[in-house]
Amino acid sequence: MSLPPLTARRAANLFSDESGAATAEYAIATMAAVAFAGLLVVIMRSDEVRGILTDLVRRALTVA
């Protein structure tokens, strides 16, 4: 099924304009980064995780 020439031309103009696409991509990536950072904050506040990381750092800094 083909579109009439006028409709095809309008569709081509509509879909060829990508102004603002990069800005939207940056906004989505920023929102994902903020959500991930929030998740890390929640995880890092856990006493169990804090203990595991403290133990890991102690073992890494211990000279054997």
N, C-alpha and C. Protein backbone atom coordinates (compact mmCIF):
# COMPACT_ATOMS: atom_id res chain seq x y z
N MET A 1 0.84 -1.17 0.00
CA MET A 1 0.00 0.00 0.00
C MET A 1 0.89 1.24 0.00
N SER A 2 0.71 2.12 -0.94
CA SER A 2 1.52 3.33 -1.01
C SER A 2 0.67 4.54 -0.62
N LEU A 3 1.34 5.52 -0.07
CA LEU A 3 0.67 6.73 0.36
C LEU A 3 0.55 7.72 -0.79
N PRO A 4 -0.46 8.55 -0.78
CA PRO A 4 -0.53 9.62 -1.79
C PRO A 4 0.71 10.52 -1.67
N PRO A 5 1.13 11.15 -2.75
CA PRO A 5 2.38 11.94 -2.74
C PRO A 5 2.41 13.01 -1.65
N LEU A 6 1.31 13.71 -1.43
CA LEU A 6 1.32 14.76 -0.41
C LEU A 6 1.52 14.18 0.98
N THR A 7 0.85 13.07 1.27
CA THR A 7 0.99 12.43 2.56
C THR A 7 2.40 11.86 2.72
N ALA A 8 2.94 11.27 1.68
CA ALA A 8 4.30 10.72 1.73
C ALA A 8 5.31 11.83 1.98
N ARG A 9 5.12 12.97 1.37
CA ARG A 9 6.03 14.10 1.56
C ARG A 9 5.95 14.61 2.99
N ARG A 10 4.74 14.73 3.53
CA ARG A 10 4.58 15.17 4.92
C ARG A 10 5.21 14.18 5.89
N ALA A 11 5.00 12.90 5.62
CA ALA A 11 5.59 11.86 6.48
C ALA A 11 7.11 11.93 6.43
N ALA A 12 7.66 12.13 5.24
CA ALA A 12 9.12 12.23 5.10
C ALA A 12 9.64 13.43 5.88
N ASN A 13 8.95 14.56 5.80
CA ASN A 13 9.38 15.74 6.55
C ASN A 13 9.26 15.52 8.05
N LEU A 14 8.20 14.87 8.47
CA LEU A 14 7.97 14.64 9.89
C LEU A 14 9.03 13.72 10.48
N PHE A 15 9.33 12.63 9.79
CA PHE A 15 10.25 11.64 10.33
C PHE A 15 11.71 11.96 10.07
N SER A 16 11.99 12.91 9.19
CA SER A 16 13.40 13.26 8.95
C SER A 16 13.89 14.30 9.95
N ASP A 17 12.97 15.00 10.61
CA ASP A 17 13.37 16.01 11.59
C ASP A 17 13.67 15.34 12.92
N GLU A 18 14.95 15.36 13.32
CA GLU A 18 15.35 14.72 14.58
C GLU A 18 15.80 15.75 15.60
N SER A 19 15.35 16.98 15.44
CA SER A 19 15.74 18.00 16.41
C SER A 19 15.14 17.66 17.77
N GLY A 20 15.95 17.76 18.78
CA GLY A 20 15.51 17.43 20.13
C GLY A 20 15.69 15.97 20.49
N ALA A 21 16.07 15.12 19.56
CA ALA A 21 16.23 13.69 19.86
C ALA A 21 17.38 13.47 20.84
N ALA A 22 18.48 14.17 20.65
CA ALA A 22 19.63 14.00 21.54
C ALA A 22 19.29 14.47 22.95
N THR A 23 18.55 15.55 23.05
CA THR A 23 18.15 16.06 24.36
C THR A 23 17.28 15.05 25.09
N ALA A 24 16.36 14.43 24.38
CA ALA A 24 15.50 13.42 25.00
C ALA A 24 16.32 12.21 25.45
N GLU A 25 17.30 11.82 24.64
CA GLU A 25 18.15 10.69 25.02
C GLU A 25 18.96 11.02 26.27
N TYR A 26 19.49 12.24 26.36
CA TYR A 26 20.23 12.64 27.54
C TYR A 26 19.32 12.66 28.77
N ALA A 27 18.11 13.11 28.60
CA ALA A 27 17.17 13.15 29.73
C ALA A 27 16.87 11.75 30.24
N ILE A 28 16.65 10.81 29.33
CA ILE A 28 16.38 9.43 29.73
C ILE A 28 17.60 8.81 30.41
N ALA A 29 18.78 9.06 29.85
CA ALA A 29 20.00 8.51 30.45
C ALA A 29 20.24 9.12 31.84
N THR A 30 19.96 10.40 32.00
CA THR A 30 20.12 11.05 33.30
C THR A 30 19.14 10.47 34.32
N MET A 31 17.91 10.27 33.91
CA MET A 31 16.92 9.69 34.82
C MET A 31 17.32 8.28 35.24
N ALA A 32 17.85 7.50 34.31
CA ALA A 32 18.30 6.14 34.64
C ALA A 32 19.49 6.19 35.61
N ALA A 33 20.40 7.13 35.41
CA ALA A 33 21.55 7.25 36.30
C ALA A 33 21.12 7.66 37.71
N VAL A 34 20.16 8.56 37.80
CA VAL A 34 19.66 8.99 39.11
C VAL A 34 18.97 7.83 39.82
N ALA A 35 18.19 7.06 39.08
CA ALA A 35 17.51 5.90 39.69
C ALA A 35 18.53 4.88 40.18
N PHE A 36 19.58 4.64 39.40
CA PHE A 36 20.62 3.70 39.79
C PHE A 36 21.37 4.21 41.02
N ALA A 37 21.66 5.51 41.06
CA ALA A 37 22.34 6.08 42.22
C ALA A 37 21.46 5.95 43.47
N GLY A 38 20.17 6.17 43.32
CA GLY A 38 19.26 6.00 44.45
C GLY A 38 19.25 4.58 44.96
N LEU A 39 19.26 3.63 44.05
CA LEU A 39 19.31 2.22 44.43
C LEU A 39 20.60 1.90 45.17
N LEU A 40 21.72 2.44 44.69
CA LEU A 40 23.00 2.21 45.37
C LEU A 40 23.00 2.81 46.77
N VAL A 41 22.39 3.98 46.93
CA VAL A 41 22.32 4.59 48.26
C VAL A 41 21.53 3.70 49.22
N VAL A 42 20.43 3.17 48.75
CA VAL A 42 19.61 2.29 49.59
C VAL A 42 20.40 1.04 49.97
N ILE A 43 21.10 0.47 49.01
CA ILE A 43 21.89 -0.74 49.27
C ILE A 43 23.04 -0.44 50.22
N MET A 44 23.73 0.69 50.02
CA MET A 44 24.89 1.01 50.84
C MET A 44 24.52 1.35 52.28
N ARG A 45 23.30 1.76 52.53
CA ARG A 45 22.88 2.07 53.90
C ARG A 45 22.59 0.82 54.71
N SER A 46 22.54 -0.32 54.06
CA SER A 46 22.29 -1.58 54.74
C SER A 46 23.49 -1.94 55.61
N ASP A 47 23.23 -2.33 56.87
CA ASP A 47 24.32 -2.70 57.78
C ASP A 47 25.10 -3.91 57.27
N GLU A 48 24.39 -4.84 56.67
CA GLU A 48 25.05 -6.04 56.16
C GLU A 48 26.04 -5.71 55.05
N VAL A 49 25.61 -4.90 54.12
CA VAL A 49 26.49 -4.52 53.01
C VAL A 49 27.65 -3.68 53.52
N ARG A 50 27.37 -2.77 54.44
CA ARG A 50 28.44 -1.95 55.01
C ARG A 50 29.49 -2.83 55.69
N GLY A 51 29.04 -3.86 56.41
CA GLY A 51 29.98 -4.77 57.06
C GLY A 51 30.81 -5.55 56.05
N ILE A 52 30.18 -6.00 54.98
CA ILE A 52 30.91 -6.74 53.95
C ILE A 52 31.98 -5.85 53.32
N LEU A 53 31.62 -4.61 53.00
CA LEU A 53 32.59 -3.71 52.38
C LEU A 53 33.71 -3.33 53.34
N THR A 54 33.39 -3.11 54.59
CA THR A 54 34.41 -2.80 55.58
C THR A 54 35.39 -3.96 55.73
N ASP A 55 34.86 -5.16 55.78
CA ASP A 55 35.70 -6.36 55.88
C ASP A 55 36.59 -6.50 54.64
N LEU A 56 36.03 -6.23 53.50
CA LEU A 56 36.79 -6.31 52.25
C LEU A 56 37.94 -5.31 52.24
N VAL A 57 37.68 -4.09 52.67
CA VAL A 57 38.73 -3.07 52.72
C VAL A 57 39.79 -3.43 53.74
N ARG A 58 39.38 -3.94 54.89
CA ARG A 58 40.35 -4.34 55.91
C ARG A 58 41.27 -5.45 55.40
N ARG A 59 40.66 -6.44 54.72
CA ARG A 59 41.49 -7.53 54.19
C ARG A 59 42.41 -7.04 53.09
N ALA A 60 41.96 -6.07 52.29
CA ALA A 60 42.81 -5.55 51.22
C ALA A 60 43.98 -4.75 51.75
N LEU A 61 43.77 -4.07 52.89
CA LEU A 61 44.83 -3.24 53.46
C LEU A 61 45.74 -3.98 54.43
N THR A 62 45.41 -5.21 54.78
CA THR A 62 46.20 -5.99 55.72
C THR A 62 47.42 -6.56 54.98
N VAL A 63 48.57 -6.35 55.60
CA VAL A 63 49.83 -6.89 55.02
C VAL A 63 50.03 -8.28 55.62
N ALA A 64 50.14 -9.23 54.75
CA ALA A 64 50.32 -10.61 55.23
C ALA A 64 51.71 -11.11 54.98
